[in-house]
Structure formats: structure tokens, C-alpha cells
Amino acid sequence: FFMDDCLQRLIDRIDSDGSLKNLTPSDCISKLIRLRLEMQAPYISTWPQALSIQAQPANVPTSFKQRAMLVDEISHAAGDNASDIDWYAKRTVLGGIYSTTEIYMLTDGSAG
């Protein structure tokens, strides 16, 4: 539920924030990743447990689908509407960037 709710809140933000269209694709992606991760910030102390639940074999298909939908929404908001082989490569890279940033967030003890 939490992941689906966060995705919907991000989509609502994308739809209502006209300033995203004025950003470069990389700035838009950075802003959206930050917004999405800020939704998890209140739960940072228990987020490792959430990730372990998502990684359980029975939950992997749902977790993968949710992550793919998140990456797709961020890509579309950044202006990527490709439908060729680059579609897969770009989303794979973006998924890696998001996941790496999420993991880093768990280990970062600095303020903000």
C-alpha cells in the first residue's frame, strides 16, 4: 500500500507542478527522485526491514512492478517518450540510480 500510495502522490505532484517542464531532463529526474525518497524519510529507521520484505521471493514480482512503474513515471515526466531499444536501457539505468540512491540514503547520517 505504501509504495502504491507514494507513487500516486508523486504522479499527483508531477501533474500539478508545471515547473518540472522547465527543468532539464537530468534536473527533473533528480528532483523527482528526491521527492520520492523524501516520502520514505519518516520511515528511514525501519526502511531496511521494508526492503527485506520487498526482496522476499513471494514479493519480488510486485516489488519489481512497483519499481518499474515508478521509473516509468519519472522517465515520462522528464520528457522521455522513447519506444525503441533505448527505452529499456534508460529505464534500467534510472532504476539502478534510484535503487543506489535509496540504499545510500539508508547509510547516510548527515542532516537533510
N, C-alpha and C. Protein backbone atom coordinates (compact mmCIF):
# COMPACT_ATOMS: atom_id res chain seq x y z
N PHE A 1 0.83 -1.20 0.00
CA PHE A 1 0.00 0.00 0.00
C PHE A 1 0.87 1.26 0.00
N PHE A 2 1.89 1.26 0.85
CA PHE A 2 2.73 2.45 0.97
C PHE A 2 3.39 2.80 -0.36
N MET A 3 3.92 1.80 -1.03
CA MET A 3 4.59 2.06 -2.32
C MET A 3 3.61 2.59 -3.35
N ASP A 4 2.42 2.00 -3.43
CA ASP A 4 1.41 2.46 -4.37
C ASP A 4 0.94 3.88 -4.03
N ASP A 5 0.79 4.15 -2.74
CA ASP A 5 0.37 5.48 -2.30
C ASP A 5 1.43 6.52 -2.65
N CYS A 6 2.70 6.20 -2.41
CA CYS A 6 3.78 7.13 -2.74
C CYS A 6 3.84 7.39 -4.25
N LEU A 7 3.64 6.34 -5.04
CA LEU A 7 3.64 6.52 -6.49
C LEU A 7 2.51 7.46 -6.90
N GLN A 8 1.33 7.27 -6.33
CA GLN A 8 0.21 8.14 -6.68
C GLN A 8 0.46 9.58 -6.25
N ARG A 9 1.05 9.76 -5.09
CA ARG A 9 1.38 11.12 -4.64
C ARG A 9 2.42 11.76 -5.55
N LEU A 10 3.37 10.97 -6.03
CA LEU A 10 4.37 11.50 -6.96
C LEU A 10 3.71 11.87 -8.29
N ILE A 11 2.82 11.03 -8.78
CA ILE A 11 2.11 11.32 -10.03
C ILE A 11 1.29 12.60 -9.88
N ASP A 12 0.62 12.74 -8.74
CA ASP A 12 -0.16 13.96 -8.49
C ASP A 12 0.74 15.18 -8.49
N ARG A 13 1.92 15.05 -7.93
CA ARG A 13 2.88 16.16 -7.90
C ARG A 13 3.36 16.48 -9.31
N ILE A 14 3.63 15.45 -10.10
CA ILE A 14 4.06 15.65 -11.49
C ILE A 14 2.98 16.41 -12.26
N ASP A 15 1.73 15.98 -12.08
CA ASP A 15 0.61 16.59 -12.80
C ASP A 15 0.36 18.04 -12.38
N SER A 16 0.64 18.36 -11.12
CA SER A 16 0.32 19.70 -10.63
C SER A 16 1.49 20.67 -10.66
N ASP A 17 2.71 20.17 -10.84
CA ASP A 17 3.89 21.03 -10.77
C ASP A 17 4.35 21.40 -12.19
N GLY A 18 3.89 22.52 -12.66
CA GLY A 18 4.24 22.97 -14.01
C GLY A 18 5.71 23.33 -14.17
N SER A 19 6.40 23.58 -13.06
CA SER A 19 7.81 23.96 -13.16
C SER A 19 8.69 22.80 -13.62
N LEU A 20 8.21 21.57 -13.51
CA LEU A 20 9.01 20.42 -13.94
C LEU A 20 9.30 20.48 -15.44
N LYS A 21 8.37 21.04 -16.19
CA LYS A 21 8.55 21.12 -17.64
C LYS A 21 9.68 22.07 -18.03
N ASN A 22 10.03 22.98 -17.12
CA ASN A 22 11.09 23.95 -17.40
C ASN A 22 12.48 23.44 -17.03
N LEU A 23 12.54 22.29 -16.40
CA LEU A 23 13.82 21.73 -15.97
C LEU A 23 14.45 20.90 -17.09
N THR A 24 15.75 20.77 -17.04
CA THR A 24 16.42 19.84 -17.95
C THR A 24 16.01 18.43 -17.54
N PRO A 25 16.10 17.46 -18.43
CA PRO A 25 15.74 16.10 -18.05
C PRO A 25 16.48 15.60 -16.81
N SER A 26 17.77 15.87 -16.71
CA SER A 26 18.52 15.38 -15.55
C SER A 26 18.09 16.09 -14.27
N ASP A 27 17.79 17.38 -14.34
CA ASP A 27 17.31 18.10 -13.16
C ASP A 27 15.92 17.61 -12.74
N CYS A 28 15.09 17.33 -13.72
CA CYS A 28 13.75 16.81 -13.43
C CYS A 28 13.84 15.45 -12.75
N ILE A 29 14.69 14.59 -13.28
CA ILE A 29 14.88 13.26 -12.69
C ILE A 29 15.39 13.40 -11.27
N SER A 30 16.39 14.25 -11.06
CA SER A 30 16.94 14.46 -9.72
C SER A 30 15.88 14.93 -8.75
N LYS A 31 15.08 15.90 -9.18
CA LYS A 31 14.04 16.44 -8.31
C LYS A 31 13.01 15.38 -7.96
N LEU A 32 12.60 14.58 -8.95
CA LEU A 32 11.57 13.57 -8.69
C LEU A 32 12.09 12.44 -7.82
N ILE A 33 13.34 12.05 -8.02
CA ILE A 33 13.92 11.02 -7.15
C ILE A 33 13.97 11.53 -5.71
N ARG A 34 14.39 12.77 -5.57
CA ARG A 34 14.46 13.35 -4.22
C ARG A 34 13.07 13.42 -3.58
N LEU A 35 12.08 13.88 -4.34
CA LEU A 35 10.72 13.96 -3.81
C LEU A 35 10.23 12.58 -3.36
N ARG A 36 10.50 11.59 -4.19
CA ARG A 36 10.04 10.23 -3.85
C ARG A 36 10.75 9.69 -2.62
N LEU A 37 12.05 9.91 -2.53
CA LEU A 37 12.79 9.43 -1.36
C LEU A 37 12.41 10.19 -0.09
N GLU A 38 12.04 11.46 -0.23
CA GLU A 38 11.59 12.22 0.94
C GLU A 38 10.31 11.64 1.53
N MET A 39 9.53 10.95 0.71
CA MET A 39 8.33 10.29 1.22
C MET A 39 8.69 9.14 2.16
N GLN A 40 9.86 8.56 1.96
CA GLN A 40 10.32 7.45 2.80
C GLN A 40 11.05 7.94 4.04
N ALA A 41 11.53 9.18 4.03
CA ALA A 41 12.37 9.70 5.11
C ALA A 41 11.77 9.50 6.50
N PRO A 42 10.47 9.71 6.71
CA PRO A 42 9.93 9.50 8.06
C PRO A 42 10.05 8.04 8.54
N TYR A 43 10.27 7.13 7.63
CA TYR A 43 10.32 5.71 7.96
C TYR A 43 11.73 5.13 7.81
N ILE A 44 12.72 6.00 7.76
CA ILE A 44 14.08 5.57 7.45
C ILE A 44 14.60 4.53 8.44
N SER A 45 14.20 4.62 9.68
CA SER A 45 14.70 3.68 10.68
C SER A 45 14.20 2.25 10.45
N THR A 46 13.06 2.12 9.80
CA THR A 46 12.52 0.78 9.54
C THR A 46 12.57 0.41 8.05
N TRP A 47 13.15 1.29 7.23
CA TRP A 47 13.18 1.02 5.79
C TRP A 47 13.99 -0.22 5.42
N PRO A 48 15.07 -0.53 6.12
CA PRO A 48 15.77 -1.78 5.77
C PRO A 48 14.85 -3.01 5.88
N GLN A 49 13.98 -3.02 6.88
CA GLN A 49 13.03 -4.13 7.01
C GLN A 49 12.04 -4.13 5.85
N ALA A 50 11.62 -2.95 5.43
CA ALA A 50 10.71 -2.87 4.28
C ALA A 50 11.37 -3.42 3.03
N LEU A 51 12.64 -3.08 2.82
CA LEU A 51 13.36 -3.60 1.66
C LEU A 51 13.51 -5.11 1.73
N SER A 52 13.73 -5.64 2.92
CA SER A 52 13.86 -7.10 3.04
C SER A 52 12.52 -7.79 2.76
N ILE A 53 11.44 -7.17 3.14
CA ILE A 53 10.11 -7.72 2.82
C ILE A 53 9.89 -7.69 1.31
N GLN A 54 10.27 -6.59 0.68
CA GLN A 54 10.12 -6.48 -0.78
C GLN A 54 10.97 -7.52 -1.50
N ALA A 55 12.09 -7.90 -0.91
CA ALA A 55 13.01 -8.84 -1.56
C ALA A 55 12.65 -10.31 -1.33
N GLN A 56 11.65 -10.58 -0.51
CA GLN A 56 11.24 -11.97 -0.31
C GLN A 56 10.69 -12.52 -1.63
N PRO A 57 11.00 -13.77 -1.94
CA PRO A 57 10.61 -14.34 -3.24
C PRO A 57 9.13 -14.13 -3.60
N ALA A 58 8.26 -14.25 -2.65
CA ALA A 58 6.83 -14.09 -2.95
C ALA A 58 6.47 -12.64 -3.31
N ASN A 59 7.30 -11.69 -2.87
CA ASN A 59 7.01 -10.27 -3.08
C ASN A 59 7.77 -9.65 -4.24
N VAL A 60 8.76 -10.36 -4.77
CA VAL A 60 9.59 -9.79 -5.83
C VAL A 60 8.79 -9.34 -7.05
N PRO A 61 7.84 -10.12 -7.56
CA PRO A 61 7.10 -9.64 -8.74
C PRO A 61 6.38 -8.31 -8.50
N THR A 62 5.74 -8.18 -7.35
CA THR A 62 5.04 -6.93 -7.04
C THR A 62 6.03 -5.80 -6.85
N SER A 63 7.12 -6.06 -6.14
CA SER A 63 8.14 -5.03 -5.91
C SER A 63 8.75 -4.57 -7.23
N PHE A 64 9.04 -5.52 -8.11
CA PHE A 64 9.62 -5.19 -9.41
C PHE A 64 8.64 -4.35 -10.23
N LYS A 65 7.37 -4.73 -10.22
CA LYS A 65 6.35 -3.97 -10.96
C LYS A 65 6.23 -2.55 -10.41
N GLN A 66 6.22 -2.41 -9.09
CA GLN A 66 6.11 -1.08 -8.49
C GLN A 66 7.32 -0.22 -8.85
N ARG A 67 8.50 -0.81 -8.82
CA ARG A 67 9.71 -0.05 -9.16
C ARG A 67 9.69 0.32 -10.64
N ALA A 68 9.24 -0.58 -11.50
CA ALA A 68 9.17 -0.29 -12.93
C ALA A 68 8.18 0.84 -13.20
N MET A 69 7.05 0.84 -12.51
CA MET A 69 6.07 1.90 -12.69
C MET A 69 6.63 3.24 -12.22
N LEU A 70 7.36 3.24 -11.11
CA LEU A 70 7.98 4.46 -10.60
C LEU A 70 8.97 5.01 -11.61
N VAL A 71 9.85 4.16 -12.11
CA VAL A 71 10.86 4.58 -13.08
C VAL A 71 10.19 5.09 -14.36
N ASP A 72 9.14 4.44 -14.78
CA ASP A 72 8.43 4.87 -15.98
C ASP A 72 7.81 6.25 -15.80
N GLU A 73 7.20 6.50 -14.66
CA GLU A 73 6.60 7.82 -14.39
C GLU A 73 7.66 8.91 -14.37
N ILE A 74 8.79 8.63 -13.73
CA ILE A 74 9.87 9.62 -13.68
C ILE A 74 10.40 9.88 -15.08
N SER A 75 10.58 8.82 -15.86
CA SER A 75 11.08 8.98 -17.24
C SER A 75 10.14 9.82 -18.08
N HIS A 76 8.85 9.53 -18.00
CA HIS A 76 7.87 10.30 -18.77
C HIS A 76 7.87 11.77 -18.35
N ALA A 77 7.93 12.01 -17.04
CA ALA A 77 7.93 13.39 -16.55
C ALA A 77 9.15 14.15 -17.03
N ALA A 78 10.26 13.44 -17.24
CA ALA A 78 11.50 14.08 -17.72
C ALA A 78 11.49 14.23 -19.23
N GLY A 79 10.41 13.82 -19.88
CA GLY A 79 10.28 14.01 -21.32
C GLY A 79 10.72 12.85 -22.18
N ASP A 80 10.99 11.70 -21.57
CA ASP A 80 11.42 10.53 -22.34
C ASP A 80 10.20 9.74 -22.77
N ASN A 81 9.91 9.79 -24.04
CA ASN A 81 8.80 9.02 -24.59
C ASN A 81 9.29 8.03 -25.64
N ALA A 82 10.53 7.61 -25.51
CA ALA A 82 11.13 6.69 -26.48
C ALA A 82 10.38 5.36 -26.48
N SER A 83 10.36 4.73 -27.63
CA SER A 83 9.72 3.41 -27.73
C SER A 83 10.64 2.42 -28.42
N ASP A 84 11.91 2.77 -28.54
CA ASP A 84 12.87 1.87 -29.18
C ASP A 84 13.66 1.12 -28.11
N ILE A 85 14.76 0.51 -28.50
CA ILE A 85 15.56 -0.27 -27.57
C ILE A 85 16.13 0.59 -26.45
N ASP A 86 16.30 1.88 -26.70
CA ASP A 86 16.79 2.79 -25.65
C ASP A 86 15.83 2.86 -24.46
N TRP A 87 14.56 2.59 -24.71
CA TRP A 87 13.55 2.61 -23.63
C TRP A 87 13.99 1.70 -22.50
N TYR A 88 14.40 0.50 -22.83
CA TYR A 88 14.81 -0.47 -21.82
C TYR A 88 16.10 -0.03 -21.13
N ALA A 89 17.05 0.42 -21.90
CA ALA A 89 18.34 0.82 -21.34
C ALA A 89 18.18 2.01 -20.39
N LYS A 90 17.43 3.02 -20.81
CA LYS A 90 17.24 4.20 -19.98
C LYS A 90 16.54 3.87 -18.68
N ARG A 91 15.53 3.04 -18.74
CA ARG A 91 14.80 2.70 -17.53
C ARG A 91 15.60 1.79 -16.61
N THR A 92 16.41 0.94 -17.19
CA THR A 92 17.29 0.10 -16.37
C THR A 92 18.30 0.97 -15.63
N VAL A 93 18.88 1.92 -16.33
CA VAL A 93 19.85 2.82 -15.69
C VAL A 93 19.17 3.66 -14.61
N LEU A 94 18.00 4.20 -14.93
CA LEU A 94 17.29 5.01 -13.95
C LEU A 94 16.89 4.18 -12.73
N GLY A 95 16.46 2.96 -12.94
CA GLY A 95 16.14 2.07 -11.83
C GLY A 95 17.35 1.83 -10.95
N GLY A 96 18.50 1.67 -11.57
CA GLY A 96 19.74 1.50 -10.81
C GLY A 96 20.11 2.74 -10.02
N ILE A 97 19.93 3.89 -10.64
CA ILE A 97 20.22 5.16 -9.95
C ILE A 97 19.29 5.32 -8.75
N TYR A 98 18.01 5.06 -8.96
CA TYR A 98 17.05 5.19 -7.85
C TYR A 98 17.40 4.23 -6.72
N SER A 99 17.64 2.97 -7.06
CA SER A 99 17.93 1.96 -6.04
C SER A 99 19.23 2.28 -5.29
N THR A 100 20.24 2.71 -6.01
CA THR A 100 21.51 3.06 -5.38
C THR A 100 21.34 4.25 -4.45
N THR A 101 20.58 5.23 -4.88
CA THR A 101 20.33 6.41 -4.05
C THR A 101 19.54 6.03 -2.80
N GLU A 102 18.59 5.14 -2.98
CA GLU A 102 17.79 4.67 -1.85
C GLU A 102 18.67 3.95 -0.82
N ILE A 103 19.56 3.09 -1.28
CA ILE A 103 20.47 2.39 -0.39
C ILE A 103 21.42 3.37 0.30
N TYR A 104 21.92 4.33 -0.45
CA TYR A 104 22.81 5.33 0.14
C TYR A 104 22.08 6.11 1.23
N MET A 105 20.82 6.43 0.99
CA MET A 105 20.03 7.17 1.97
C MET A 105 19.96 6.42 3.29
N LEU A 106 19.95 5.10 3.24
CA LEU A 106 19.89 4.31 4.46
C LEU A 106 21.16 4.40 5.29
N THR A 107 22.28 4.65 4.62
CA THR A 107 23.56 4.67 5.33
C THR A 107 24.08 6.08 5.58
N ASP A 108 23.42 7.09 5.07
CA ASP A 108 23.87 8.47 5.21
C ASP A 108 23.36 9.04 6.53
N GLY A 109 24.28 9.44 7.37
CA GLY A 109 23.89 10.00 8.66
C GLY A 109 23.89 11.51 8.71
N SER A 110 24.16 12.16 7.58
CA SER A 110 24.21 13.62 7.58
C SER A 110 22.81 14.22 7.64
N ALA A 111 22.74 15.44 8.11
CA ALA A 111 21.45 16.14 8.20
C ALA A 111 20.92 16.45 6.80
N GLY A 112 19.64 16.21 6.61
CA GLY A 112 18.99 16.55 5.35
C GLY A 112 19.40 15.67 4.20
